[in-house]
Amino acid sequence: MTKREALNGKPYAGNPHVRFDEGKSASTSTPRRGSLLYKKLAMMIGAAAVAATGANAASVTIDSVTQRWPWNNKIDITYTVTDGQTLTSTGNDVYMRLVFNATIGGNSYTIDGVNDIGASASSGQHTVTWTPPEDLKVKASDCTMTATLYSADNPSGDDYMVVDLDTGVVSYEGLLYSQELSNDRYTSNAAYKTDKLVLRKVPRGGPYYTASKTWTTEYDFYAGIFPVTRAQYNKFDSSKTWVYSVNDGQTSGYKPADSLNYSTIRASTISPTTAIPVLESDTGTCFLQRLNYRTGNKFGFDLPTENMAEIARRAGVSGGTDSSDSVYFWGSGTSAEAAATASLYCAYRGQNEGTTSEVDAHLPNNWGIYDTAGNLAEWSLDDNSSGSLGDLTSAFTPRSDGGNSRVISNGYNYSDALWKCRVTYRRTQSPTSTQNWLSFRVYCIMK
């Protein structure tokens, strides 16, 4: 019997238990998200993984469960999967998902590995972080937990965050066998440009490159694989009309939303370091406010800092210190060398029929993020009135807290020259500007 036949939509394996061990001294470790914290010691009291029949016996073992108390009530779950989901270049994949069941203080909780925490069912050891409900915002005790593997329709993991814009449901998906196969999954289905918002994970750590310095980031963050499209924006403001003609054989709704000012996207002219105000109902025209409301005000979706945007734009490409350096996200070289392949990667002056392109009309960068050069410019949080990027100690901190000169990342557009498509290029704009070459992309920091 094959692994695929053994699954057949039923539980695949495993119910080891762990508990919090009261009265033990705290241990220190670096959690998956957040800074160095003291944690309660979690002790194994059982580890009996039940294997399915067949040549490949999948199983899951819970290694530890720890709470980040007293800093917060988040719970880190470390577990090991043996003979987990299979990803291939030929499409003969076997996908799995995990469900955790916890009993804490006499109350039972079901933790969905796909919708709640992005738990990977691939072989190996993993750590995921669960944010408990309101009734568990206390020091937890008497915890037992089980884990079960099930068959799944998509690869499990947290490489991608997928937001259903109608229901507000957030789920997670893993990479396929290659980045190219994962790219095809989102470009071949129009729903990911209309009804769903897909964000790509940038894991904490590094090194990550920008013009100012090389960064080691303290948090995971997610970057939209596309700028917000017209169809996605109209989910929140159906009255919004668009500037560019659709008489170019392209689908209007698949183009990036245009002519949007910072104040409308992020709610008035609040400073870059001020959190977006929380809505009490799903009303208004502020996209990010309503997106946060529909998703339960749990994720803090926002614009990126200038450094976050450049990290995502480069996708690991190093080099370049200012706008004169010939560094593009698809490589380095002279302008002539860049131009030889530039039309494959971005919409710029002279090769795009004088209008914007659909968000996936050009090739993505190494992380599967599209439109990181050309097409439309995108807002970032930073204010250019004062401060220096080189003086910052965190990539998640805007360079200035106020002023009226917001930095435009992807600071070039379909009508600009190719040299403005360099990874280091910037421009600034008033937060109230509604220039028709302005758009935006959604980011999320996982603190």
Protein backbone atom coordinates (compact mmCIF):
# COMPACT_ATOMS: atom_id res chain seq x y z
CA MET A 1 0.00 0.00 0.00
CA THR A 2 1.37 3.42 -0.92
CA LYS A 3 1.52 6.41 1.40
CA ARG A 4 -1.19 8.13 -0.67
CA GLU A 5 -3.49 5.07 -0.39
CA ALA A 6 -2.87 4.73 3.32
CA LEU A 7 -3.96 8.32 3.95
CA ASN A 8 -7.29 8.27 2.11
CA GLY A 9 -8.44 11.37 3.99
CA LYS A 10 -8.06 9.76 7.42
CA PRO A 11 -5.77 10.39 10.40
CA TYR A 12 -2.26 9.28 9.52
CA ALA A 13 -0.49 9.05 12.86
CA GLY A 14 0.41 10.04 16.30
CA ASN A 15 -0.71 11.14 19.75
CA PRO A 16 2.25 11.76 22.04
CA HIS A 17 1.45 13.89 25.10
CA VAL A 18 3.40 16.59 26.86
CA ARG A 19 2.62 18.75 29.84
CA PHE A 20 3.95 21.91 31.46
CA ASP A 21 6.11 20.93 34.42
CA GLU A 22 5.31 23.27 37.29
CA GLY A 23 7.96 24.13 39.84
CA LYS A 24 10.95 23.63 37.54
CA SER A 25 13.50 26.33 36.93
CA ALA A 26 13.04 28.28 33.72
CA SER A 27 15.18 27.52 30.72
CA THR A 28 16.33 29.97 28.08
CA SER A 29 16.15 29.57 24.34
CA THR A 30 15.50 31.64 21.26
CA PRO A 31 11.88 31.16 20.15
CA ARG A 32 10.89 31.00 16.53
CA ARG A 33 9.38 34.47 16.72
CA GLY A 34 10.40 37.23 19.07
CA SER A 35 13.48 38.03 21.14
CA LEU A 36 15.33 35.85 23.65
CA LEU A 37 12.88 34.82 26.37
CA TYR A 38 12.76 32.67 29.50
CA LYS A 39 10.34 29.81 29.13
CA LYS A 40 8.68 27.24 31.34
CA LEU A 41 10.23 23.80 31.01
CA ALA A 42 8.02 21.36 29.13
CA MET A 43 8.54 17.66 29.93
CA MET A 44 7.64 14.64 27.84
CA ILE A 45 5.40 12.16 29.66
CA GLY A 46 4.60 9.96 26.69
CA ALA A 47 5.62 9.44 23.08
CA ALA A 48 3.65 6.74 21.29
CA ALA A 49 3.37 7.65 17.62
CA VAL A 50 0.86 5.45 15.80
CA ALA A 51 2.12 4.56 12.31
CA ALA A 52 -0.13 3.96 9.33
CA THR A 53 0.19 0.76 7.35
CA GLY A 54 2.26 0.80 4.19
CA ALA A 55 5.85 0.98 3.10
CA ASN A 56 6.23 4.56 4.37
CA ALA A 57 5.03 4.94 7.94
CA ALA A 58 4.37 8.60 8.72
CA SER A 59 4.44 9.65 12.36
CA VAL A 60 4.61 12.77 14.50
CA THR A 61 6.15 13.25 17.92
CA ILE A 62 5.70 16.33 20.09
CA ASP A 63 9.08 17.26 21.57
CA SER A 64 8.12 20.21 23.78
CA VAL A 65 5.42 22.77 24.51
CA THR A 66 6.50 26.05 26.08
CA GLN A 67 4.74 29.28 26.97
CA ARG A 68 6.38 32.70 26.61
CA TRP A 69 5.22 33.75 30.04
CA PRO A 70 5.46 36.35 31.58
CA TRP A 71 6.30 38.21 28.37
CA ASN A 72 3.13 37.03 26.64
CA ASN A 73 0.89 33.99 26.46
CA LYS A 74 2.06 32.67 23.08
CA ILE A 75 2.87 28.97 23.07
CA ASP A 76 5.73 27.42 21.08
CA ILE A 77 5.21 23.82 19.95
CA THR A 78 8.24 21.82 18.81
CA TYR A 79 7.54 18.54 17.05
CA THR A 80 9.20 16.01 14.76
CA VAL A 81 7.64 14.42 11.67
CA THR A 82 8.98 11.14 10.27
CA ASP A 83 8.23 10.09 6.67
CA GLY A 84 6.13 13.21 6.18
CA GLN A 85 4.59 14.79 3.11
CA THR A 86 6.28 14.15 -0.23
CA LEU A 87 7.05 16.89 -2.78
CA THR A 88 8.30 15.97 -6.24
CA SER A 89 9.21 17.63 -9.53
CA THR A 90 6.75 15.38 -11.39
CA GLY A 91 3.59 16.25 -9.46
CA ASN A 92 3.33 12.86 -7.73
CA ASP A 93 3.05 14.66 -4.39
CA VAL A 94 1.52 13.47 -1.13
CA TYR A 95 0.34 16.39 1.00
CA MET A 96 -0.33 16.20 4.73
CA ARG A 97 -1.58 18.54 7.41
CA LEU A 98 -1.39 18.54 11.19
CA VAL A 99 -4.03 19.06 13.85
CA PHE A 100 -3.02 19.60 17.49
CA ASN A 101 -5.41 19.03 20.39
CA ALA A 102 -4.52 20.64 23.71
CA THR A 103 -6.03 20.41 27.16
CA ILE A 104 -4.97 23.35 29.31
CA GLY A 105 -6.41 24.04 32.74
CA GLY A 106 -9.25 21.63 32.07
CA ASN A 107 -10.27 23.33 28.81
CA SER A 108 -9.85 21.76 25.36
CA TYR A 109 -8.46 23.54 22.31
CA THR A 110 -8.11 22.38 18.71
CA ILE A 111 -5.21 23.97 16.82
CA ASP A 112 -5.48 23.65 13.05
CA GLY A 113 -2.03 23.43 11.51
CA VAL A 114 -3.22 25.03 8.26
CA ASN A 115 -5.51 27.81 9.46
CA ASP A 116 -3.99 28.64 12.84
CA ILE A 117 -0.22 28.20 12.85
CA GLY A 118 1.22 27.14 9.49
CA ALA A 119 2.57 23.83 10.76
CA SER A 120 4.67 21.90 8.26
CA ALA A 121 4.11 18.16 7.84
CA SER A 122 7.41 17.67 6.02
CA SER A 123 9.94 15.32 7.60
CA GLY A 124 12.13 16.86 10.29
CA GLN A 125 11.83 18.94 13.44
CA HIS A 126 9.72 22.09 13.39
CA THR A 127 8.67 24.80 15.82
CA VAL A 128 5.39 26.70 15.44
CA THR A 129 3.84 29.41 17.56
CA TRP A 130 0.22 29.38 18.66
CA THR A 131 -1.57 32.49 19.93
CA PRO A 132 -4.22 31.20 22.37
CA PRO A 133 -7.73 32.70 22.60
CA GLU A 134 -8.70 35.45 25.02
CA ASP A 135 -9.49 33.07 27.89
CA LEU A 136 -5.86 31.92 27.96
CA LYS A 137 -4.19 35.29 28.48
CA VAL A 138 -2.82 33.94 31.75
CA LYS A 139 -0.02 31.70 32.92
CA ALA A 140 -0.95 28.25 31.65
CA SER A 141 -0.64 24.98 33.58
CA ASP A 142 -1.65 21.32 33.40
CA CYS A 143 -1.17 21.10 29.65
CA THR A 144 -1.36 17.93 27.59
CA MET A 145 -1.21 17.95 23.81
CA THR A 146 -1.64 15.47 20.97
CA ALA A 147 -0.86 15.76 17.27
CA THR A 148 -2.40 13.94 14.31
CA LEU A 149 -1.42 13.84 10.63
CA TYR A 150 -4.13 13.96 7.96
CA SER A 151 -4.12 13.94 4.18
CA ALA A 152 -4.40 17.38 2.58
CA ASP A 153 -5.12 19.12 -0.72
CA ASN A 154 -2.19 21.54 -0.48
CA PRO A 155 1.34 21.33 0.95
CA SER A 156 1.50 22.29 4.61
CA GLY A 157 3.92 24.83 6.00
CA ASP A 158 4.11 28.58 6.54
CA ASP A 159 6.01 29.69 3.44
CA TYR A 160 2.85 31.44 2.24
CA MET A 161 0.02 33.21 4.04
CA VAL A 162 -3.27 33.21 2.12
CA VAL A 163 -6.05 35.63 3.07
CA ASP A 164 -9.61 35.09 1.84
CA LEU A 165 -10.73 38.67 1.25
CA ASP A 166 -14.44 37.82 1.49
CA THR A 167 -14.44 35.80 4.73
CA GLY A 168 -11.25 37.05 6.37
CA VAL A 169 -10.04 33.47 6.91
CA VAL A 170 -6.24 33.23 6.98
CA SER A 171 -4.49 29.98 6.09
CA TYR A 172 -0.95 28.88 5.40
CA GLU A 173 0.66 26.85 2.64
CA GLY A 174 4.13 25.42 2.07
CA LEU A 175 6.42 25.61 -0.91
CA LEU A 176 6.13 22.97 -3.58
CA TYR A 177 9.19 21.07 -4.84
CA SER A 178 10.59 24.26 -6.41
CA GLN A 179 9.95 27.99 -6.30
CA GLU A 180 8.89 27.86 -9.96
CA LEU A 181 6.17 25.28 -9.26
CA SER A 182 4.94 27.40 -6.36
CA ASN A 183 4.82 30.47 -8.59
CA ASP A 184 2.67 28.60 -11.11
CA ARG A 185 0.22 27.62 -8.38
CA TYR A 186 -0.66 31.28 -7.77
CA THR A 187 -0.45 32.65 -11.31
CA SER A 188 -2.53 29.89 -12.91
CA ASN A 189 -5.57 30.57 -10.69
CA ALA A 190 -7.26 33.95 -11.12
CA ALA A 191 -8.67 33.78 -7.56
CA TYR A 192 -5.24 34.76 -6.22
CA LYS A 193 -5.50 38.06 -8.08
CA THR A 194 -9.12 38.77 -7.17
CA ASP A 195 -10.53 36.97 -4.11
CA LYS A 196 -7.43 36.01 -2.16
CA LEU A 197 -4.31 37.82 -1.03
CA VAL A 198 -1.07 35.77 -1.01
CA LEU A 199 2.00 36.79 1.01
CA ARG A 200 5.47 35.18 0.91
CA LYS A 201 7.39 34.52 4.11
CA VAL A 202 10.82 36.09 4.65
CA PRO A 203 12.26 34.10 7.59
CA ARG A 204 13.95 35.87 10.46
CA GLY A 205 17.72 35.81 10.28
CA GLY A 206 19.74 36.68 7.22
CA PRO A 207 21.93 37.97 5.85
CA TYR A 208 19.54 40.28 4.02
CA TYR A 209 20.89 43.10 1.89
CA THR A 210 19.94 46.73 1.40
CA ALA A 211 21.85 49.76 0.16
CA SER A 212 22.50 50.95 3.72
CA LYS A 213 23.72 47.73 5.37
CA THR A 214 23.44 43.98 5.69
CA TRP A 215 20.66 42.96 8.07
CA THR A 216 19.94 40.12 10.46
CA THR A 217 16.20 40.36 11.13
CA GLU A 218 14.63 39.53 14.49
CA TYR A 219 11.20 38.52 13.16
CA ASP A 220 9.67 36.62 10.29
CA PHE A 221 7.70 38.86 7.96
CA TYR A 222 5.42 38.33 4.99
CA ALA A 223 5.36 40.33 1.74
CA GLY A 224 2.54 40.27 -0.78
CA ILE A 225 3.56 38.32 -3.89
CA PHE A 226 1.63 40.88 -5.95
CA PRO A 227 0.86 44.55 -5.36
CA VAL A 228 -2.81 44.86 -4.40
CA THR A 229 -4.85 44.48 -7.57
CA ARG A 230 -7.87 46.53 -8.64
CA ALA A 231 -10.16 43.54 -8.06
CA GLN A 232 -8.77 43.00 -4.55
CA TYR A 233 -9.11 46.68 -3.68
CA ASN A 234 -12.70 46.75 -4.91
CA LYS A 235 -13.54 44.08 -2.31
CA PHE A 236 -13.28 46.91 0.21
CA ASP A 237 -14.27 49.93 -1.88
CA SER A 238 -16.52 48.98 -4.78
CA SER A 239 -16.95 52.62 -5.79
CA LYS A 240 -13.27 53.13 -6.64
CA THR A 241 -12.59 53.67 -10.34
CA TRP A 242 -9.27 53.33 -12.10
CA VAL A 243 -7.16 55.55 -14.32
CA TYR A 244 -5.63 53.31 -16.92
CA SER A 245 -7.41 52.13 -20.04
CA VAL A 246 -8.19 48.44 -20.47
CA ASN A 247 -7.99 48.65 -24.27
CA ASP A 248 -4.76 46.68 -24.28
CA GLY A 249 -6.00 43.10 -24.25
CA GLN A 250 -5.43 42.73 -20.52
CA THR A 251 -7.87 42.17 -17.66
CA SER A 252 -8.47 45.39 -15.73
CA GLY A 253 -8.94 43.68 -12.36
CA TYR A 254 -5.55 41.97 -12.58
CA LYS A 255 -3.66 45.26 -12.83
CA PRO A 256 -2.26 46.96 -9.71
CA ALA A 257 -4.63 49.35 -7.96
CA ASP A 258 -3.56 52.89 -8.92
CA SER A 259 -3.93 56.54 -7.87
CA LEU A 260 -4.05 55.69 -4.16
CA ASN A 261 -2.60 57.98 -1.53
CA TYR A 262 -0.89 56.95 1.69
CA SER A 263 -3.59 58.56 3.81
CA THR A 264 -6.39 56.50 2.26
CA ILE A 265 -4.48 53.23 2.37
CA ARG A 266 -3.30 53.57 5.96
CA ALA A 267 -5.97 55.81 7.58
CA SER A 268 -5.47 59.56 7.57
CA THR A 269 -1.95 60.96 8.08
CA ILE A 270 -0.93 58.94 11.16
CA SER A 271 2.81 58.75 11.73
CA PRO A 272 4.79 55.78 10.40
CA THR A 273 5.31 54.34 13.90
CA THR A 274 1.66 54.64 14.94
CA ALA A 275 -0.43 51.49 14.60
CA ILE A 276 -3.35 51.66 12.19
CA PRO A 277 -6.50 52.47 14.22
CA VAL A 278 -8.74 49.46 14.86
CA LEU A 279 -12.23 49.51 13.33
CA GLU A 280 -15.33 48.43 15.24
CA SER A 281 -17.23 47.53 12.05
CA ASP A 282 -16.42 46.61 8.46
CA THR A 283 -17.03 50.09 7.08
CA GLY A 284 -15.04 52.91 5.55
CA THR A 285 -12.64 53.19 2.62
CA CYS A 286 -9.30 52.48 4.31
CA PHE A 287 -8.05 49.21 2.80
CA LEU A 288 -5.65 48.21 5.57
CA GLN A 289 -8.10 49.05 8.36
CA ARG A 290 -10.79 46.89 6.80
CA LEU A 291 -8.38 44.09 5.95
CA ASN A 292 -7.28 43.98 9.58
CA TYR A 293 -10.90 44.04 10.75
CA ARG A 294 -11.95 41.16 8.49
CA THR A 295 -9.05 39.05 9.72
CA GLY A 296 -9.90 39.63 13.39
CA ASN A 297 -7.40 42.46 14.03
CA LYS A 298 -4.78 39.79 14.78
CA PHE A 299 -2.08 40.27 12.16
CA GLY A 300 -1.31 43.97 11.89
CA PHE A 301 -1.26 44.12 8.08
CA ASP A 302 0.51 47.31 7.05
CA LEU A 303 2.80 48.99 4.56
CA PRO A 304 6.48 47.97 4.76
CA THR A 305 9.39 49.96 6.04
CA GLU A 306 11.80 51.08 3.35
CA ASN A 307 14.25 48.34 4.41
CA MET A 308 11.62 45.59 4.43
CA ALA A 309 10.59 46.57 0.92
CA GLU A 310 14.18 46.51 -0.35
CA ILE A 311 14.89 43.14 1.30
CA ALA A 312 11.82 41.67 -0.41
CA ARG A 313 12.65 43.36 -3.71
CA ARG A 314 16.24 42.06 -3.78
CA ALA A 315 15.34 38.48 -2.74
CA GLY A 316 18.92 37.81 -1.70
CA VAL A 317 20.70 39.89 -4.36
CA SER A 318 23.60 41.82 -2.83
CA GLY A 319 25.53 44.88 -3.98
CA GLY A 320 24.65 48.47 -4.81
CA THR A 321 24.97 51.41 -2.46
CA ASP A 322 23.02 54.17 -4.22
CA SER A 323 20.95 54.95 -7.30
CA SER A 324 24.00 55.01 -9.57
CA ASP A 325 24.89 51.35 -9.00
CA SER A 326 23.88 48.94 -11.75
CA VAL A 327 22.21 46.34 -9.55
CA TYR A 328 18.82 44.94 -10.54
CA PHE A 329 16.93 42.16 -8.81
CA TRP A 330 17.70 39.90 -11.77
CA GLY A 331 21.45 40.63 -11.52
CA SER A 332 24.16 43.22 -12.05
CA GLY A 333 25.71 44.72 -15.14
CA THR A 334 25.73 47.69 -17.45
CA SER A 335 22.51 49.30 -18.58
CA ALA A 336 22.89 47.58 -21.95
CA GLU A 337 23.30 44.17 -20.30
CA ALA A 338 20.31 44.79 -18.04
CA ALA A 339 18.18 45.92 -20.97
CA ALA A 340 18.82 42.66 -22.80
CA THR A 341 16.58 40.81 -20.34
CA ALA A 342 14.76 43.65 -18.56
CA SER A 343 11.55 43.31 -20.54
CA LEU A 344 11.13 39.82 -19.07
CA TYR A 345 11.18 41.20 -15.54
CA CYS A 346 9.56 44.62 -15.48
CA ALA A 347 7.31 47.12 -17.24
CA TYR A 348 9.28 50.29 -18.03
CA ARG A 349 9.30 53.06 -20.62
CA GLY A 350 9.60 51.92 -24.19
CA GLN A 351 8.40 48.32 -23.94
CA ASN A 352 4.94 48.29 -22.39
CA GLU A 353 2.60 50.11 -24.80
CA GLY A 354 2.28 53.10 -22.46
CA THR A 355 0.10 51.51 -19.81
CA THR A 356 0.31 49.27 -16.75
CA SER A 357 0.59 45.49 -16.94
CA GLU A 358 -1.20 42.72 -15.09
CA VAL A 359 0.61 41.93 -11.84
CA ASP A 360 2.02 38.60 -13.05
CA ALA A 361 2.83 39.68 -16.62
CA HIS A 362 6.57 39.63 -15.92
CA LEU A 363 8.90 37.17 -14.23
CA PRO A 364 9.19 37.28 -10.42
CA ASN A 365 12.32 37.58 -8.30
CA ASN A 366 14.04 34.62 -6.64
CA TRP A 367 11.40 34.43 -3.89
CA GLY A 368 8.43 34.41 -6.24
CA ILE A 369 7.51 38.05 -5.60
CA TYR A 370 6.20 39.88 -8.68
CA ASP A 371 6.37 43.49 -9.89
CA THR A 372 9.32 44.46 -7.71
CA ALA A 373 10.53 46.67 -10.55
CA GLY A 374 8.53 48.90 -12.86
CA ASN A 375 4.76 48.86 -13.48
CA LEU A 376 3.67 51.09 -10.55
CA ALA A 377 5.58 52.58 -7.63
CA GLU A 378 4.62 51.50 -4.10
CA TRP A 379 4.27 53.34 -0.80
CA SER A 380 6.40 52.52 2.23
CA LEU A 381 6.11 53.72 5.83
CA ASP A 382 9.32 55.74 6.03
CA ASP A 383 9.35 59.51 6.08
CA ASN A 384 12.31 61.13 4.36
CA SER A 385 12.24 64.36 6.37
CA SER A 386 15.03 63.26 8.70
CA GLY A 387 17.07 60.28 9.81
CA SER A 388 19.38 57.87 8.05
CA LEU A 389 18.76 54.26 7.07
CA GLY A 390 22.31 53.41 8.11
CA ASP A 391 21.63 54.55 11.69
CA LEU A 392 18.70 52.18 12.21
CA THR A 393 19.18 49.07 14.36
CA SER A 394 16.14 47.19 13.05
CA ALA A 395 14.86 46.66 9.51
CA PHE A 396 11.34 47.00 10.95
CA THR A 397 11.81 50.59 12.15
CA PRO A 398 10.91 53.49 9.81
CA ARG A 399 13.67 56.06 9.50
CA SER A 400 11.53 58.97 10.74
CA ASP A 401 8.41 59.27 12.85
CA GLY A 402 6.74 62.18 11.11
CA GLY A 403 6.86 64.73 8.34
CA ASN A 404 5.24 64.91 4.95
CA SER A 405 7.68 63.19 2.62
CA ARG A 406 6.89 59.47 2.45
CA VAL A 407 9.41 57.23 0.70
CA ILE A 408 8.25 55.41 -2.41
CA SER A 409 9.76 51.96 -2.68
CA ASN A 410 9.66 50.38 -6.10
CA GLY A 411 10.13 54.08 -6.84
CA TYR A 412 9.72 53.70 -10.57
CA ASN A 413 6.86 52.87 -12.89
CA TYR A 414 5.87 51.80 -16.38
CA SER A 415 6.67 55.24 -17.83
CA ASP A 416 10.16 55.54 -16.29
CA ALA A 417 13.56 54.73 -17.76
CA LEU A 418 15.17 51.38 -17.03
CA TRP A 419 17.87 52.84 -14.76
CA LYS A 420 15.14 53.71 -12.25
CA CYS A 421 14.41 49.99 -11.91
CA ARG A 422 17.57 49.47 -9.84
CA VAL A 423 17.03 47.91 -6.42
CA THR A 424 18.43 51.02 -4.71
CA TYR A 425 16.29 53.62 -6.46
CA ARG A 426 14.03 55.83 -4.29
CA ARG A 427 11.76 58.82 -4.58
CA THR A 428 9.50 60.66 -2.15
CA GLN A 429 5.94 61.92 -2.27
CA SER A 430 3.46 63.72 -0.04
CA PRO A 431 1.19 61.24 1.82
CA THR A 432 -1.85 62.96 0.32
CA SER A 433 -0.65 62.52 -3.27
CA THR A 434 -2.89 60.59 -5.66
CA GLN A 435 -0.46 60.31 -8.55
CA ASN A 436 -1.69 57.75 -11.06
CA TRP A 437 1.62 55.84 -10.82
CA LEU A 438 1.20 55.05 -7.11
CA SER A 439 0.10 51.68 -5.73
CA PHE A 440 0.90 49.57 -2.64
CA ARG A 441 1.67 46.08 -1.36
CA VAL A 442 0.62 44.44 1.92
CA TYR A 443 3.17 43.29 4.51
CA CYS A 444 2.88 41.61 7.90
CA ILE A 445 5.46 41.28 10.73
CA MET A 446 5.11 38.14 12.87
CA LYS A 447 6.10 39.36 16.34
